[in-house]
Every structure is written in C-alpha cells, then in structure tokens.
Amino acid sequence: MPGALPMRHYDESLIHALRVAGNDGRLLGYYSGQPIFEAVYDHEGHRYAYVGVAPRLGNGRINITALSDSQWLVAPGLVYEWDRNRRRLRDSGLAA
C-alpha cells in the first residue's frame, strides 16, 4: 500500500527480560551453556526464584503468553518468578 508506514517487528521476549544484577542461592545446573541458579536478584534487590525453561512456539520463539505476570525471562530462556516475600540485602549478600 503506497504511503503506508512499515510494520515494526520486535522481539516481545525483550519486554519480559529481567536485568540480573547477581545470583542468589545454589547452582542447579546448566542450560545452553549458561548456569541456572536457584534465584537471581535485580538492581533494586528484588529476588526471583527459578521456575523452569521458557516454553517455545513451533517457530522457536519464546511463548510469552505462557508466562504469568510475575514471571520474567533470563537469557538464554530461563524463567524466574518474583519472590514478593524475600529481598536480597545489598550489604550482607544474604537473602532476607
């Protein structure tokens, strides 16, 4: 259609990506060469517990609709859920 604006395609998984500041808890294993920790925390000290590997669609993309509102993605496709009851204490390095 002449004069129409081009559609912009973006990766929805980036909207749901968690910016991890560090890990918390024990090492559970590896996925695609990356470590899986029991929990991670963000720059504000919010703690997120490991849930599992993100479900994928037939085309290989992450199925964002399968995530709940409190779940976030950590590359390469791990799902962590916000632990509303616990925070990481910045000074001590211990979870509260």
C-alpha atoms as a PDB file:
ATOM      1  CA  MET A   1       0.000   0.000   0.000  1.00  0.00           C
ATOM      2  CA  PRO A   2       1.677   3.217  -1.097  1.00  0.00           C
ATOM      3  CA  GLY A   3       2.346   5.702   1.682  1.00  0.00           C
ATOM      4  CA  ALA A   4       1.713   3.186   4.453  1.00  0.00           C
ATOM      5  CA  LEU A   5       4.119   3.079   7.340  1.00  0.00           C
ATOM      6  CA  PRO A   6       6.221  -0.077   7.589  1.00  0.00           C
ATOM      7  CA  MET A   7       5.283  -2.503  10.334  1.00  0.00           C
ATOM      8  CA  ARG A   8       7.834  -2.670  13.071  1.00  0.00           C
ATOM      9  CA  HIS A   9       8.659  -6.103  14.335  1.00  0.00           C
ATOM     10  CA  TYR A  10      10.195  -6.502  17.749  1.00  0.00           C
ATOM     11  CA  ASP A  11      11.088  -9.353  19.994  1.00  0.00           C
ATOM     12  CA  GLU A  12       8.428  -9.459  22.730  1.00  0.00           C
ATOM     13  CA  SER A  13      10.740 -11.528  24.910  1.00  0.00           C
ATOM     14  CA  LEU A  14      12.910  -8.415  25.380  1.00  0.00           C
ATOM     15  CA  ILE A  15       9.977  -6.676  27.065  1.00  0.00           C
ATOM     16  CA  HIS A  16       9.871  -9.504  29.613  1.00  0.00           C
ATOM     17  CA  ALA A  17      13.640  -9.741  30.103  1.00  0.00           C
ATOM     18  CA  LEU A  18      14.957  -9.381  33.631  1.00  0.00           C
ATOM     19  CA  ARG A  19      18.114  -7.335  34.134  1.00  0.00           C
ATOM     20  CA  VAL A  20      20.010  -9.537  36.574  1.00  0.00           C
ATOM     21  CA  ALA A  21      22.446  -7.928  38.998  1.00  0.00           C
ATOM     22  CA  GLY A  22      23.628 -11.208  40.523  1.00  0.00           C
ATOM     23  CA  ASN A  23      22.743 -14.693  41.631  1.00  0.00           C
ATOM     24  CA  ASP A  24      21.383 -15.905  44.940  1.00  0.00           C
ATOM     25  CA  GLY A  25      21.290 -19.479  46.123  1.00  0.00           C
ATOM     26  CA  ARG A  26      22.932 -22.611  44.828  1.00  0.00           C
ATOM     27  CA  LEU A  27      23.834 -23.602  41.292  1.00  0.00           C
ATOM     28  CA  LEU A  28      21.202 -26.015  39.950  1.00  0.00           C
ATOM     29  CA  GLY A  29      22.799 -26.887  36.629  1.00  0.00           C
ATOM     30  CA  TYR A  30      23.321 -25.513  33.133  1.00  0.00           C
ATOM     31  CA  TYR A  31      21.111 -24.718  30.148  1.00  0.00           C
ATOM     32  CA  SER A  32      22.614 -23.869  26.745  1.00  0.00           C
ATOM     33  CA  GLY A  33      25.965 -23.442  28.437  1.00  0.00           C
ATOM     34  CA  GLN A  34      24.671 -20.890  30.968  1.00  0.00           C
ATOM     35  CA  PRO A  35      24.406 -21.540  34.717  1.00  0.00           C
ATOM     36  CA  ILE A  36      20.994 -21.901  36.346  1.00  0.00           C
ATOM     37  CA  PHE A  37      20.883 -20.503  39.866  1.00  0.00           C
ATOM     38  CA  GLU A  38      18.238 -21.188  42.485  1.00  0.00           C
ATOM     39  CA  ALA A  39      17.441 -17.471  42.458  1.00  0.00           C
ATOM     40  CA  VAL A  40      18.677 -14.195  40.999  1.00  0.00           C
ATOM     41  CA  TYR A  41      18.171 -10.581  42.004  1.00  0.00           C
ATOM     42  CA  ASP A  42      17.816  -7.307  40.147  1.00  0.00           C
ATOM     43  CA  HIS A  43      19.484  -3.939  40.740  1.00  0.00           C
ATOM     44  CA  GLU A  44      16.796  -2.970  43.278  1.00  0.00           C
ATOM     45  CA  GLY A  45      17.341  -6.087  45.371  1.00  0.00           C
ATOM     46  CA  HIS A  46      14.170  -7.902  44.310  1.00  0.00           C
ATOM     47  CA  ARG A  47      14.650 -11.655  44.382  1.00  0.00           C
ATOM     48  CA  TYR A  48      13.409 -14.008  41.656  1.00  0.00           C
ATOM     49  CA  ALA A  49      13.203 -17.793  42.109  1.00  0.00           C
ATOM     50  CA  TYR A  50      13.915 -20.210  39.265  1.00  0.00           C
ATOM     51  CA  VAL A  51      10.774 -21.762  37.742  1.00  0.00           C
ATOM     52  CA  GLY A  52      11.998 -23.561  34.642  1.00  0.00           C
ATOM     53  CA  VAL A  53      12.794 -23.231  30.964  1.00  0.00           C
ATOM     54  CA  ALA A  54      10.543 -20.969  28.895  1.00  0.00           C
ATOM     55  CA  PRO A  55       8.088 -22.740  26.606  1.00  0.00           C
ATOM     56  CA  ARG A  56       8.726 -22.288  22.891  1.00  0.00           C
ATOM     57  CA  LEU A  57       6.426 -21.911  19.909  1.00  0.00           C
ATOM     58  CA  GLY A  58       6.751 -24.012  16.755  1.00  0.00           C
ATOM     59  CA  ASN A  59       8.957 -21.334  15.178  1.00  0.00           C
ATOM     60  CA  GLY A  60      11.404 -21.480  18.111  1.00  0.00           C
ATOM     61  CA  ARG A  61      10.402 -18.155  19.665  1.00  0.00           C
ATOM     62  CA  ILE A  62       9.531 -17.959  23.348  1.00  0.00           C
ATOM     63  CA  ASN A  63       5.811 -18.260  24.113  1.00  0.00           C
ATOM     64  CA  ILE A  64       5.340 -15.043  26.098  1.00  0.00           C
ATOM     65  CA  THR A  65       1.635 -15.718  26.673  1.00  0.00           C
ATOM     66  CA  ALA A  66       2.543 -18.755  28.788  1.00  0.00           C
ATOM     67  CA  LEU A  67       4.256 -16.546  31.400  1.00  0.00           C
ATOM     68  CA  SER A  68       2.358 -15.180  34.396  1.00  0.00           C
ATOM     69  CA  ASP A  69       2.517 -11.511  35.369  1.00  0.00           C
ATOM     70  CA  SER A  70       5.180 -12.196  37.998  1.00  0.00           C
ATOM     71  CA  GLN A  71       7.454 -14.263  35.726  1.00  0.00           C
ATOM     72  CA  TRP A  72      10.488 -12.877  33.890  1.00  0.00           C
ATOM     73  CA  LEU A  73      12.954 -14.192  31.325  1.00  0.00           C
ATOM     74  CA  VAL A  74      16.671 -14.553  31.814  1.00  0.00           C
ATOM     75  CA  ALA A  75      18.787 -15.410  28.748  1.00  0.00           C
ATOM     76  CA  PRO A  76      19.011 -17.974  27.202  1.00  0.00           C
ATOM     77  CA  GLY A  77      15.345 -18.712  28.025  1.00  0.00           C
ATOM     78  CA  LEU A  78      15.105 -19.368  31.746  1.00  0.00           C
ATOM     79  CA  VAL A  79      12.001 -18.324  33.677  1.00  0.00           C
ATOM     80  CA  TYR A  80      12.277 -16.732  37.119  1.00  0.00           C
ATOM     81  CA  GLU A  81       9.352 -15.667  39.284  1.00  0.00           C
ATOM     82  CA  TRP A  82       9.382 -12.627  41.546  1.00  0.00           C
ATOM     83  CA  ASP A  83       9.559 -13.706  45.183  1.00  0.00           C
ATOM     84  CA  ARG A  84       7.485 -10.941  46.769  1.00  0.00           C
ATOM     85  CA  ASN A  85       8.372 -12.098  50.292  1.00  0.00           C
ATOM     86  CA  ARG A  86      12.152 -12.018  50.031  1.00  0.00           C
ATOM     87  CA  ARG A  87      14.736  -9.410  49.100  1.00  0.00           C
ATOM     88  CA  ARG A  88      18.464  -9.591  48.836  1.00  0.00           C
ATOM     89  CA  LEU A  89      20.309  -7.488  51.373  1.00  0.00           C
ATOM     90  CA  ARG A  90      22.842  -5.476  49.410  1.00  0.00           C
ATOM     91  CA  ASP A  91      25.432  -5.121  52.157  1.00  0.00           C
ATOM     92  CA  SER A  92      25.450  -8.603  53.580  1.00  0.00           C
ATOM     93  CA  GLY A  93      24.864 -10.592  50.404  1.00  0.00           C
ATOM     94  CA  LEU A  94      22.232 -12.627  52.247  1.00  0.00           C
ATOM     95  CA  ALA A  95      18.584 -13.023  51.329  1.00  0.00           C
ATOM     96  CA  ALA A  96      16.068 -11.649  53.818  1.00  0.00           C
END
